[in-house]
Protein backbone atom coordinates (compact mmCIF):
# COMPACT_ATOMS: atom_id res chain seq x y z
CA MET A 1 65.57 21.50 101.54
CA MET A 2 63.13 19.24 99.94
CA ASN A 3 59.75 20.42 98.89
CA THR A 4 57.40 18.57 101.33
CA SER A 5 54.29 20.37 100.12
CA THR A 6 53.85 18.50 96.87
CA THR A 7 52.99 14.78 96.95
CA PRO A 8 56.68 13.01 95.73
CA LEU A 9 56.90 11.80 92.64
CA VAL A 10 59.63 9.33 93.56
CA GLU A 11 59.63 7.89 97.07
CA ILE A 12 62.51 5.76 98.31
CA ARG A 13 62.74 4.25 101.84
CA GLU A 14 65.53 1.93 103.21
CA LEU A 15 66.45 1.23 99.69
CA THR A 16 69.56 -1.29 99.38
CA LYS A 17 71.78 -2.49 96.33
CA VAL A 18 73.96 -5.54 96.79
CA TYR A 19 76.20 -6.98 93.70
CA ILE A 20 77.47 -10.41 94.36
CA ARG A 21 81.01 -10.34 92.88
CA GLY A 22 82.30 -14.14 93.15
CA LYS A 23 82.23 -14.85 96.58
CA GLN A 24 82.47 -11.04 97.46
CA ARG A 25 79.51 -9.52 98.40
CA VAL A 26 79.63 -5.68 97.56
CA GLU A 27 76.72 -3.00 99.14
CA VAL A 28 76.45 -0.14 96.95
CA LEU A 29 73.60 1.66 98.34
CA HIS A 30 72.82 1.38 101.89
CA GLY A 31 69.20 2.14 103.72
CA ILE A 32 68.48 5.40 100.89
CA ASN A 33 65.72 7.43 102.32
CA LEU A 34 64.22 9.96 99.52
CA ASP A 35 61.45 11.93 98.19
CA ILE A 36 61.51 13.91 94.95
CA PRO A 37 58.62 15.96 94.24
CA ASP A 38 57.17 16.17 90.57
CA GLY A 39 58.43 18.89 88.49
CA ASP A 40 61.65 19.03 91.02
CA PHE A 41 65.50 19.55 89.65
CA VAL A 42 67.41 17.38 91.79
CA ALA A 43 71.60 17.12 91.59
CA LEU A 44 73.79 13.87 92.62
CA MET A 45 77.28 14.74 93.35
CA GLY A 46 80.21 12.72 95.01
CA PRO A 47 83.18 10.64 94.06
CA SER A 48 83.23 7.97 91.93
CA GLY A 49 82.06 4.76 93.13
CA SER A 50 79.78 6.90 95.83
CA GLY A 51 76.50 5.29 94.51
CA LYS A 52 75.19 8.07 91.99
CA THR A 53 74.55 6.01 88.96
CA THR A 54 73.27 2.91 90.61
CA LEU A 55 70.70 5.29 92.32
CA LEU A 56 69.55 6.64 89.03
CA ASN A 57 69.48 3.59 87.46
CA LEU A 58 67.33 2.07 90.00
CA ILE A 59 64.63 5.41 90.00
CA GLY A 60 64.91 4.76 86.08
CA GLY A 61 64.06 1.14 85.81
CA LEU A 62 67.46 0.04 84.49
CA ASP A 63 68.07 -2.09 87.79
CA SER A 64 66.30 -3.71 90.54
CA PRO A 65 67.03 -2.99 94.35
CA SER A 66 67.83 -5.66 96.61
CA SER A 67 65.88 -4.40 99.28
CA GLY A 68 63.54 -1.43 100.37
CA LEU A 69 60.43 0.57 98.99
CA LEU A 70 60.71 1.79 95.54
CA LYS A 71 57.85 3.97 94.24
CA VAL A 72 57.42 6.24 91.15
CA GLN A 73 54.28 7.98 90.39
CA ASN A 74 52.84 6.06 93.38
CA GLN A 75 53.49 2.75 91.70
CA ARG A 76 55.95 0.00 93.28
CA ILE A 77 58.41 -0.31 90.19
CA ASP A 78 60.63 -2.67 92.31
CA ASP A 79 57.55 -4.99 92.17
CA PHE A 80 56.97 -4.82 88.52
CA GLY A 81 58.00 -8.21 86.14
CA SER A 82 60.76 -7.50 83.42
CA ASP A 83 58.07 -6.81 80.62
CA GLU A 84 55.98 -4.39 82.84
CA LEU A 85 59.31 -2.75 84.08
CA ALA A 86 60.36 -2.16 80.20
CA ALA A 87 56.58 -0.89 79.20
CA TRP A 88 56.84 1.60 82.22
CA ARG A 89 60.27 2.84 81.50
CA ALA A 90 59.59 3.49 77.61
CA ASN A 91 56.71 5.74 78.76
CA THR A 92 57.97 7.16 81.85
CA VAL A 93 61.77 7.66 81.66
CA GLY A 94 63.89 9.71 79.25
CA PHE A 95 67.83 8.79 79.64
CA ILE A 96 70.39 11.13 78.48
CA PHE A 97 74.03 9.66 78.48
CA GLN A 98 77.18 10.78 77.64
CA SER A 99 77.57 8.51 74.95
CA TYR A 100 74.59 10.44 73.16
CA ASN A 101 73.73 7.01 71.83
CA LEU A 102 73.10 8.67 68.20
CA MET A 103 72.83 6.37 64.81
CA PRO A 104 75.69 7.16 62.77
CA VAL A 105 74.18 6.82 59.55
CA LEU A 106 70.73 9.06 60.21
CA THR A 107 70.51 12.57 60.24
CA ALA A 108 69.99 14.85 63.11
CA LEU A 109 66.02 14.85 62.51
CA LYS A 110 65.84 11.02 62.02
CA ASN A 111 67.68 10.69 65.36
CA VAL A 112 65.12 12.95 66.94
CA GLU A 113 62.33 10.64 65.27
CA LEU A 114 63.54 7.59 66.62
CA PRO A 115 60.98 7.17 69.74
CA LEU A 116 57.92 7.69 67.58
CA LEU A 117 59.13 4.88 64.87
CA LEU A 118 57.03 2.26 67.08
CA THR A 119 53.95 4.26 67.08
CA ASP A 120 51.03 4.47 64.38
CA MET A 121 52.31 8.10 63.41
CA SER A 122 52.32 9.04 60.14
CA GLY A 123 56.22 9.75 58.84
CA SER A 124 54.95 13.39 58.32
CA GLU A 125 53.77 14.21 61.55
CA ARG A 126 57.14 12.29 63.12
CA SER A 127 59.22 14.60 61.07
CA ARG A 128 57.03 17.69 62.18
CA ARG A 129 57.37 16.93 65.54
CA ALA A 130 61.05 16.25 65.45
CA ALA A 131 61.86 19.55 63.75
CA VAL A 132 59.61 21.17 66.27
CA ALA A 133 61.65 19.82 69.07
CA LEU A 134 65.21 20.30 67.42
CA GLU A 135 63.97 24.08 67.06
CA LEU A 136 63.82 23.88 71.07
CA VAL A 137 67.11 23.03 71.50
CA GLY A 138 68.29 25.77 68.55
CA LEU A 139 69.33 23.23 66.17
CA SER A 140 66.73 23.75 63.09
CA ASP A 141 70.15 24.45 60.83
CA ARG A 142 71.77 21.24 61.69
CA SER A 143 68.29 18.92 61.03
CA LYS A 144 70.18 17.24 58.02
CA HIS A 145 73.35 16.80 59.56
CA LYS A 146 74.71 13.19 60.61
CA PRO A 147 76.34 12.95 63.95
CA ASN A 148 79.96 13.06 62.68
CA GLU A 149 79.05 16.58 60.88
CA LEU A 150 78.04 17.90 64.64
CA SER A 151 80.08 19.07 67.66
CA GLY A 152 79.98 17.38 70.87
CA GLY A 153 77.55 19.97 72.30
CA GLN A 154 75.43 19.78 69.07
CA GLN A 155 75.23 15.92 69.63
CA GLN A 156 73.98 16.29 73.20
CA ARG A 157 71.43 18.66 72.18
CA VAL A 158 70.36 16.25 69.44
CA ALA A 159 70.01 13.68 72.05
CA ILE A 160 68.21 15.99 74.54
CA ALA A 161 65.58 17.30 71.63
CA ARG A 162 64.90 12.82 71.31
CA THR A 163 64.26 12.55 74.89
CA LEU A 164 62.07 15.75 74.85
CA LEU A 165 59.94 14.32 71.83
CA LYS A 166 59.18 11.27 73.90
CA ASN A 167 57.78 13.75 76.52
CA PRO A 168 58.39 11.72 79.72
CA PRO A 169 57.53 13.14 83.15
CA VAL A 170 61.01 11.93 84.36
CA VAL A 171 64.31 13.00 82.65
CA ILE A 172 68.02 11.40 83.95
CA PHE A 173 71.00 12.93 82.99
CA ASP A 174 73.68 10.73 83.93
CA GLU A 175 77.20 11.86 82.98
CA ALA A 176 76.11 13.33 80.13
CA THR A 177 78.19 16.47 79.73
CA SER A 178 81.23 15.59 81.93
CA ALA A 179 83.51 15.25 78.56
CA LEU A 180 82.22 18.61 77.55
CA ASP A 181 83.98 22.10 78.58
CA SER A 182 82.37 23.93 81.39
CA ALA A 183 80.83 26.76 79.06
CA ASN A 184 79.36 23.81 76.87
CA GLU A 185 78.18 22.10 80.07
CA ARG A 186 76.49 25.01 81.39
CA ALA A 187 74.86 26.25 78.11
CA ILE A 188 73.37 22.63 77.71
CA GLN A 189 72.38 22.24 81.42
CA ALA A 190 70.29 25.51 81.40
CA GLU A 191 68.57 24.50 77.56
CA LEU A 192 67.82 21.03 79.43
CA ARG A 193 65.78 22.62 82.54
CA THR A 194 64.35 25.20 79.96
CA THR A 195 62.91 22.80 77.80
CA ALA A 196 61.98 20.05 80.18
CA GLN A 197 59.36 22.43 82.46
CA ASN A 198 57.29 20.76 84.34
CA LYS A 199 59.32 17.63 84.37
CA THR A 200 61.06 15.96 87.35
CA THR A 201 64.80 16.06 86.14
CA LEU A 202 67.87 14.10 88.11
CA VAL A 203 71.30 15.18 87.22
CA ILE A 204 74.44 13.70 88.14
CA ALA A 205 76.76 17.01 88.86
CA HIS A 206 80.60 17.46 88.10
CA ARG A 207 80.76 21.19 87.68
CA LEU A 208 78.88 22.12 90.68
CA SER A 209 78.29 25.64 89.16
CA THR A 210 75.70 24.05 86.58
CA VAL A 211 73.30 22.99 89.38
CA VAL A 212 73.48 26.07 91.64
CA ASP A 213 69.50 26.40 91.36
CA ALA A 214 68.75 22.85 92.06
CA HIS A 215 65.78 22.27 94.27
CA GLU A 216 67.88 19.98 96.14
CA ILE A 217 71.19 18.92 95.62
CA LEU A 218 72.49 15.27 97.31
CA VAL A 219 75.71 14.64 98.30
CA MET A 220 76.62 10.88 98.10
CA GLU A 221 79.47 9.28 99.69
CA ASP A 222 80.00 5.47 100.32
CA GLY A 223 76.38 4.71 99.08
CA ARG A 224 74.72 6.89 101.48
CA ILE A 225 73.14 10.19 100.98
CA VAL A 226 75.55 12.51 103.63
CA GLU A 227 74.36 15.97 102.83
CA ARG A 228 71.34 17.23 101.13
CA GLY A 229 69.65 20.86 100.75
CA THR A 230 69.95 23.77 98.04
CA HIS A 231 73.30 25.59 97.27
CA ALA A 232 72.70 28.36 99.83
CA GLU A 233 71.89 25.63 102.49
CA LEU A 234 74.88 23.64 102.01
CA MET A 235 77.16 26.44 101.59
CA GLU A 236 75.89 27.73 105.11
CA LEU A 237 76.47 24.00 106.45
CA ASP A 238 80.41 24.28 105.10
CA GLN A 239 81.14 20.36 104.71
CA LYS A 240 81.59 18.33 101.82
CA TYR A 241 79.72 20.38 99.33
CA ALA A 242 81.30 23.79 100.44
CA LYS A 243 84.56 22.37 100.49
CA MET A 244 84.15 20.93 96.72
CA TRP A 245 82.43 24.14 95.58
CA ASN A 246 85.39 26.55 96.71
CA LEU A 247 87.83 24.14 95.17
CA GLN A 248 86.25 24.06 91.98
CA GLN A 249 85.76 27.85 91.88
CA SER A 250 89.63 28.04 92.72
CA ALA A 251 90.36 25.86 89.63
CA GLU A 252 88.02 28.05 87.69
C-alpha cells in the first residue's frame, strides 16, 4: 500500500470537482483522499470518464478543485491565483501527452531545447543540455530529424527528453502511450521510469503490464478511488483490478 514513511509530496483531502454544463451539475470527483510520497511511481486506471485525467489535471495545476485541500510540495496550490499557479506549474510539473506537442518545423534537438528558451542560458549550453537529454532516451542519432521523420515512439521519446530537460520534480504521463503498440508502450514506460529517477511520476495506465512495478496503483470508478495498492496486493484482493489484469493477459 501507500508508503507512509515519507512526507507526502502530494496531499489531497476530500477533493471534489464539479462542472456546470448548462443547467446540469456534473460532479466528476467525489471526496478524493490521497497521499503520494516524493519519488513514487503511481499509476491510475479505470474506464473512460472515471476521473483519472481530471485528478491529474488538478494535481498538475491545469484545473482548480471545487472543494477540498490540495497540497503539492507542502503548498496549497488550490489557493494560488492564476499567475502564481502558472509560474508554479512551469517550475514544478512536466506533462507528457498523447499528442506529443512537438513543433513540426523544428528538429528533435530544437524541440527539446524549447523549455530553455525563456532562460538566460546561451545557445550553445541549451544545445549541449538538449543533446544530453536526447542521449538519455536513445535518440542521439535522430537529433537533426523533424517530427515527420520520426516514428510515433521516437516522437514520444523527444517529448520525454524535453520534459526531463526542464527537470521538474513531478512528471505526469497522461494517456501518452495509448496510441502505441504494447511493445513500444512497455519500452517507453520503462525508459521514462529509468530517466525520471528521483521524480514523482504519475501515469494513466491502459495496458496494466506496463505498470506492474508501480509503488501504488489507483483504480478509479465514477470519480472515486475504489481500489488501491501494489500489483500483488490488488491481485490478492481479486476484484476490479485483478479481473482487468486477467482479461488483458488473455487478450495478449
